[in-house]
């Protein structure tokens, strides 16, 4: 593997700044071209020499160096095939509910996310009965909630499809396959009766949350996206389960009435 990387052409990127293009011989980094230093401190803070010059081999930063093995283990074990696909750092980032990380989101994201919960909550039958819904929705709010849940589930898969199309790190066959899976789960749900439909969508939303957290943990989603997904998924799932529970009660009552007759 290291022999394959002896002359592999790469771009060194630190804190989002492309600091140089270089080949990577065994003993160090041979810099071919420097530039793009939007922040000179980025080089010094990353323990990389701030005095890199074209044509100079900088000892200690080669593929087999202690620094490389310690700081960039994925680079050390990478192959030519995988180097361009994998994040250089193997460090994971925290995931899960976090108000601090949620506040890192762009200002318009949180209002958009919360507004997306309105159909989930508003179409739970007892809530829908108190709202001035159009007659076609008021007649069967659970059906409309299921249809909306299916569209949201499909959207969550589309996020991965878009990430793969962008050509960034993490674009892989498995991620492309996952990106269409939520749509395939949502599609039959709309044809089921209320209880299994809501159960299928609730379970699928939880599954999608778990997958998103795994990608966020390795830096393939912004930190705020991981934090945002938790409250939205919990609220949507509880709304669907509430509808399923109420529908189940209605079905039991209907059976009881039929038995009495």
Protein backbone atom coordinates (compact mmCIF):
# COMPACT_ATOMS: atom_id res chain seq x y z
CA UNK A 1 0.00 0.00 0.00
CA UNK A 2 2.77 2.44 0.90
CA UNK A 3 4.59 1.74 -2.36
CA UNK A 4 1.46 2.68 -4.26
CA UNK A 5 1.37 5.96 -2.37
CA UNK A 6 5.03 6.86 -2.84
CA UNK A 7 4.24 9.16 -5.73
CA UNK A 8 0.51 9.63 -5.24
CA UNK A 9 -0.57 13.15 -6.12
CA UNK A 10 -2.62 14.80 -3.40
CA UNK A 11 -3.86 18.12 -2.08
CA UNK A 12 -3.17 18.94 1.55
CA UNK A 13 -6.21 20.66 3.05
CA UNK A 14 -6.19 22.08 6.55
CA UNK A 15 -9.20 23.76 8.15
CA UNK A 16 -10.82 24.00 4.73
CA UNK A 17 -7.81 25.75 3.12
CA UNK A 18 -5.92 24.06 0.31
CA UNK A 19 -2.35 24.76 1.40
CA UNK A 20 -0.42 22.85 -1.23
CA UNK A 21 -0.41 20.15 -3.84
CA UNK A 22 2.21 17.51 -3.28
CA UNK A 23 3.46 14.02 -3.86
CA UNK A 24 3.95 11.79 -0.85
CA UNK A 25 7.26 9.91 -0.84
CA UNK A 26 8.11 7.63 2.08
CA UNK A 27 10.28 10.10 4.00
CA UNK A 28 8.12 13.20 3.76
CA UNK A 29 5.95 15.46 1.67
CA UNK A 30 7.51 16.83 -1.48
CA UNK A 31 5.68 20.08 -2.12
CA UNK A 32 4.97 20.84 -5.76
CA UNK A 33 2.98 24.00 -5.39
CA UNK A 34 1.89 26.13 -2.45
CA UNK A 35 -0.93 28.60 -2.27
CA UNK A 36 -4.46 29.21 -1.12
CA UNK A 37 -3.43 30.21 2.40
CA UNK A 38 -6.56 32.06 3.45
CA UNK A 39 -5.44 31.60 7.04
CA UNK A 40 -1.71 31.29 7.67
CA UNK A 41 -2.38 30.16 11.24
CA UNK A 42 -4.13 27.07 9.87
CA UNK A 43 -0.74 25.64 8.89
CA UNK A 44 0.96 26.44 12.18
CA UNK A 45 -1.96 25.20 14.26
CA UNK A 46 -1.98 21.88 12.44
CA UNK A 47 1.67 21.11 13.30
CA UNK A 48 2.66 21.27 9.63
CA UNK A 49 5.67 23.43 8.73
CA UNK A 50 4.55 26.94 7.77
CA UNK A 51 7.72 27.32 5.66
CA UNK A 52 6.99 24.61 3.08
CA UNK A 53 8.74 25.36 -0.19
CA UNK A 54 8.24 23.77 -3.61
CA UNK A 55 10.66 20.95 -4.33
CA UNK A 56 11.66 20.42 -0.68
CA UNK A 57 11.02 17.14 1.12
CA UNK A 58 9.78 17.94 4.61
CA UNK A 59 10.89 15.11 6.87
CA UNK A 60 8.42 13.68 9.35
CA UNK A 61 5.29 14.03 7.28
CA UNK A 62 5.66 11.06 4.97
CA UNK A 63 3.28 8.12 4.70
CA UNK A 64 5.35 6.03 7.14
CA UNK A 65 6.15 8.79 9.64
CA UNK A 66 5.03 8.72 13.28
CA UNK A 67 3.15 11.99 12.73
CA UNK A 68 1.19 10.53 9.83
CA UNK A 69 0.34 7.33 11.68
CA UNK A 70 -0.80 9.31 14.73
CA UNK A 71 -2.63 12.23 13.13
CA UNK A 72 -3.84 10.71 9.85
CA UNK A 73 -4.34 6.95 10.32
CA UNK A 74 -6.70 6.70 7.36
CA UNK A 75 -4.10 8.26 5.08
CA UNK A 76 -1.49 5.81 6.39
CA UNK A 77 -3.65 2.78 5.60
CA UNK A 78 -5.27 4.13 2.45
CA UNK A 79 -4.89 2.74 -1.04
CA UNK A 80 -4.85 4.71 -4.26
CA UNK A 81 -8.42 3.58 -4.81
CA UNK A 82 -9.74 4.75 -1.44
CA UNK A 83 -7.62 7.83 -0.69
CA UNK A 84 -9.77 10.21 -2.76
CA UNK A 85 -12.97 8.92 -1.14
CA UNK A 86 -12.05 8.86 2.54
CA UNK A 87 -11.77 11.75 4.98
CA UNK A 88 -8.11 12.14 5.94
CA UNK A 89 -8.86 12.26 9.66
CA UNK A 90 -10.43 9.29 11.44
CA UNK A 91 -11.65 11.42 14.32
CA UNK A 92 -15.37 11.26 14.97
CA UNK A 93 -17.57 14.15 15.94
CA UNK A 94 -20.27 14.08 18.61
CA UNK A 95 -23.82 13.34 17.52
CA UNK A 96 -27.16 13.37 19.24
CA UNK A 97 -29.40 16.06 20.73
CA UNK A 98 -27.48 19.24 21.47
CA UNK A 99 -28.74 22.79 21.73
CA UNK A 100 -25.21 24.10 21.18
CA UNK A 101 -24.78 22.24 17.90
CA UNK A 102 -28.32 23.09 16.86
CA UNK A 103 -27.50 26.79 17.19
CA UNK A 104 -24.75 26.32 14.58
CA UNK A 105 -27.40 25.84 11.88
CA UNK A 106 -28.13 28.64 9.39
CA UNK A 107 -30.84 30.96 10.77
CA UNK A 108 -33.58 29.79 8.41
CA UNK A 109 -33.06 26.05 9.01
CA UNK A 110 -34.70 25.72 12.42
CA UNK A 111 -37.93 27.54 11.43
CA UNK A 112 -38.16 25.42 8.28
CA UNK A 113 -37.59 22.23 10.26
CA UNK A 114 -40.16 23.10 12.92
CA UNK A 115 -42.73 24.14 10.32
CA UNK A 116 -42.32 20.71 8.78
CA UNK A 117 -43.79 19.24 11.97
CA UNK A 118 -47.08 21.12 11.60
CA UNK A 119 -48.72 18.49 9.31
CA UNK A 120 -47.55 15.66 11.57
CA UNK A 121 -49.04 17.21 14.71
CA UNK A 122 -51.98 18.93 13.04
CA UNK A 123 -53.22 15.76 11.35
CA UNK A 124 -53.43 13.65 14.49
CA UNK A 125 -57.24 13.13 14.42
CA UNK A 126 -58.20 14.86 17.71
CA UNK A 127 -56.02 17.85 16.78
CA UNK A 128 -57.32 17.91 13.21
CA UNK A 129 -60.88 18.02 14.54
CA UNK A 130 -60.12 21.39 16.14
CA UNK A 131 -58.56 22.93 13.03
CA UNK A 132 -60.28 24.58 10.05
CA UNK A 133 -59.05 22.00 7.57
CA UNK A 134 -60.48 21.62 4.06
CA UNK A 135 -63.30 19.11 3.97
CA UNK A 136 -61.25 16.64 1.95
CA UNK A 137 -58.58 16.56 4.68
CA UNK A 138 -60.97 16.73 7.63
CA UNK A 139 -62.77 13.62 6.35
CA UNK A 140 -59.66 11.44 6.84
CA UNK A 141 -56.74 13.31 8.47
CA UNK A 142 -54.88 10.07 9.21
CA UNK A 143 -54.64 9.29 5.49
CA UNK A 144 -53.18 12.72 4.82
CA UNK A 145 -50.73 12.34 7.70
CA UNK A 146 -49.52 9.05 6.26
CA UNK A 147 -49.10 10.62 2.81
CA UNK A 148 -47.12 13.49 4.31
CA UNK A 149 -44.97 11.13 6.37
CA UNK A 150 -44.16 9.13 3.23
CA UNK A 151 -43.02 12.28 1.42
CA UNK A 152 -40.81 13.32 4.34
CA UNK A 153 -39.26 9.86 4.54
CA UNK A 154 -38.46 10.01 0.82
CA UNK A 155 -36.93 13.45 1.33
CA UNK A 156 -34.57 12.08 3.99
CA UNK A 157 -33.24 9.60 1.45
CA UNK A 158 -32.87 12.35 -1.12
CA UNK A 159 -30.48 14.17 1.22
CA UNK A 160 -28.01 11.29 0.79
CA UNK A 161 -28.56 11.17 -2.97
CA UNK A 162 -27.69 14.86 -3.20
CA UNK A 163 -24.62 14.39 -1.01
CA UNK A 164 -23.37 11.65 -3.32
CA UNK A 165 -24.01 13.73 -6.43
CA UNK A 166 -21.93 16.56 -4.98
CA UNK A 167 -18.87 14.32 -5.34
CA UNK A 168 -17.61 14.99 -1.83
CA UNK A 169 -16.25 12.49 0.70
CA UNK A 170 -18.61 9.66 1.48
CA UNK A 171 -19.99 9.21 -2.03
CA UNK A 172 -20.21 5.43 -2.33
CA UNK A 173 -22.34 2.66 -3.77
CA UNK A 174 -23.75 1.82 -0.34
CA UNK A 175 -24.78 5.42 0.23
CA UNK A 176 -26.44 5.62 -3.18
CA UNK A 177 -28.34 2.43 -2.34
CA UNK A 178 -29.44 3.79 1.02
CA UNK A 179 -30.58 7.05 -0.58
CA UNK A 180 -33.39 5.25 -2.44
CA UNK A 181 -34.31 2.91 0.42
CA UNK A 182 -36.55 5.39 2.32
CA UNK A 183 -38.64 5.91 -0.83
CA UNK A 184 -39.06 2.17 -1.20
CA UNK A 185 -40.20 1.95 2.43
CA UNK A 186 -42.58 4.89 2.06
CA UNK A 187 -44.18 3.69 -1.17
CA UNK A 188 -46.09 0.63 0.18
CA UNK A 189 -46.94 2.43 3.43
CA UNK A 190 -49.45 4.68 1.66
CA UNK A 191 -51.37 1.61 0.50
CA UNK A 192 -51.72 0.11 3.98
CA UNK A 193 -54.45 0.71 6.52
CA UNK A 194 -53.79 3.38 9.15
CA UNK A 195 -52.21 1.29 11.91
CA UNK A 196 -49.59 -0.60 9.83
CA UNK A 197 -48.96 2.48 7.67
CA UNK A 198 -48.18 4.68 10.68
CA UNK A 199 -46.11 1.90 12.26
CA UNK A 200 -44.08 1.41 9.08
CA UNK A 201 -43.39 5.12 8.71
CA UNK A 202 -42.51 5.58 12.39
CA UNK A 203 -40.04 2.68 12.32
CA UNK A 204 -38.56 3.91 9.03
CA UNK A 205 -38.06 7.43 10.41
CA UNK A 206 -36.17 5.99 13.38
CA UNK A 207 -34.07 3.85 11.02
CA UNK A 208 -33.28 6.92 8.89
CA UNK A 209 -32.27 8.82 12.02
CA UNK A 210 -29.82 6.07 12.96
CA UNK A 211 -28.28 6.04 9.49
CA UNK A 212 -27.96 9.83 9.45
CA UNK A 213 -26.26 9.78 12.85
CA UNK A 214 -23.70 7.25 11.60
CA UNK A 215 -22.80 9.51 8.66
CA UNK A 216 -22.75 12.59 10.88
CA UNK A 217 -20.42 10.84 13.34
CA UNK A 218 -17.69 10.59 10.70
CA UNK A 219 -18.18 14.17 9.50
CA UNK A 220 -20.28 13.51 6.41
CA UNK A 221 -23.09 15.77 7.66
CA UNK A 222 -22.81 19.11 9.46
CA UNK A 223 -22.91 18.90 13.26
CA UNK A 224 -26.12 20.91 13.37
CA UNK A 225 -27.89 18.46 11.04
CA UNK A 226 -27.36 15.64 13.49
CA UNK A 227 -28.74 17.76 16.34
CA UNK A 228 -31.73 18.92 14.28
CA UNK A 229 -32.76 15.43 13.24
CA UNK A 230 -33.45 14.26 16.80
CA UNK A 231 -36.31 16.56 17.87
CA UNK A 232 -37.88 16.46 14.41
CA UNK A 233 -37.81 12.66 14.25
CA UNK A 234 -39.10 12.24 17.81
CA UNK A 235 -42.03 14.59 17.24
CA UNK A 236 -42.94 13.09 13.86
CA UNK A 237 -42.69 9.53 15.20
CA UNK A 238 -44.82 10.26 18.26
CA UNK A 239 -47.46 11.91 16.07
CA UNK A 240 -47.65 8.86 13.81
CA UNK A 241 -47.82 6.51 16.80
CA UNK A 242 -50.58 8.60 18.36
CA UNK A 243 -52.60 8.29 15.15
CA UNK A 244 -51.96 4.54 15.04
CA UNK A 245 -53.06 4.14 18.66
CA UNK A 246 -56.27 6.10 18.11
CA UNK A 247 -57.02 4.20 14.91
CA UNK A 248 -56.47 0.93 16.75
CA UNK A 249 -58.97 2.01 19.42
CA UNK A 250 -61.48 2.93 16.75
CA UNK A 251 -61.08 -0.48 15.12
CA UNK A 252 -61.60 -2.23 18.48
CA UNK A 253 -64.73 -0.18 19.11
CA UNK A 254 -66.08 -1.07 15.68
CA UNK A 255 -65.47 -4.76 16.33
CA UNK A 256 -67.19 -4.49 19.70
CA UNK A 257 -70.23 -2.83 18.13
CA UNK A 258 -70.37 -5.48 15.41
CA UNK A 259 -70.25 -8.21 18.04
CA UNK A 260 -73.12 -6.66 19.96
CA UNK A 261 -75.21 -6.48 16.82
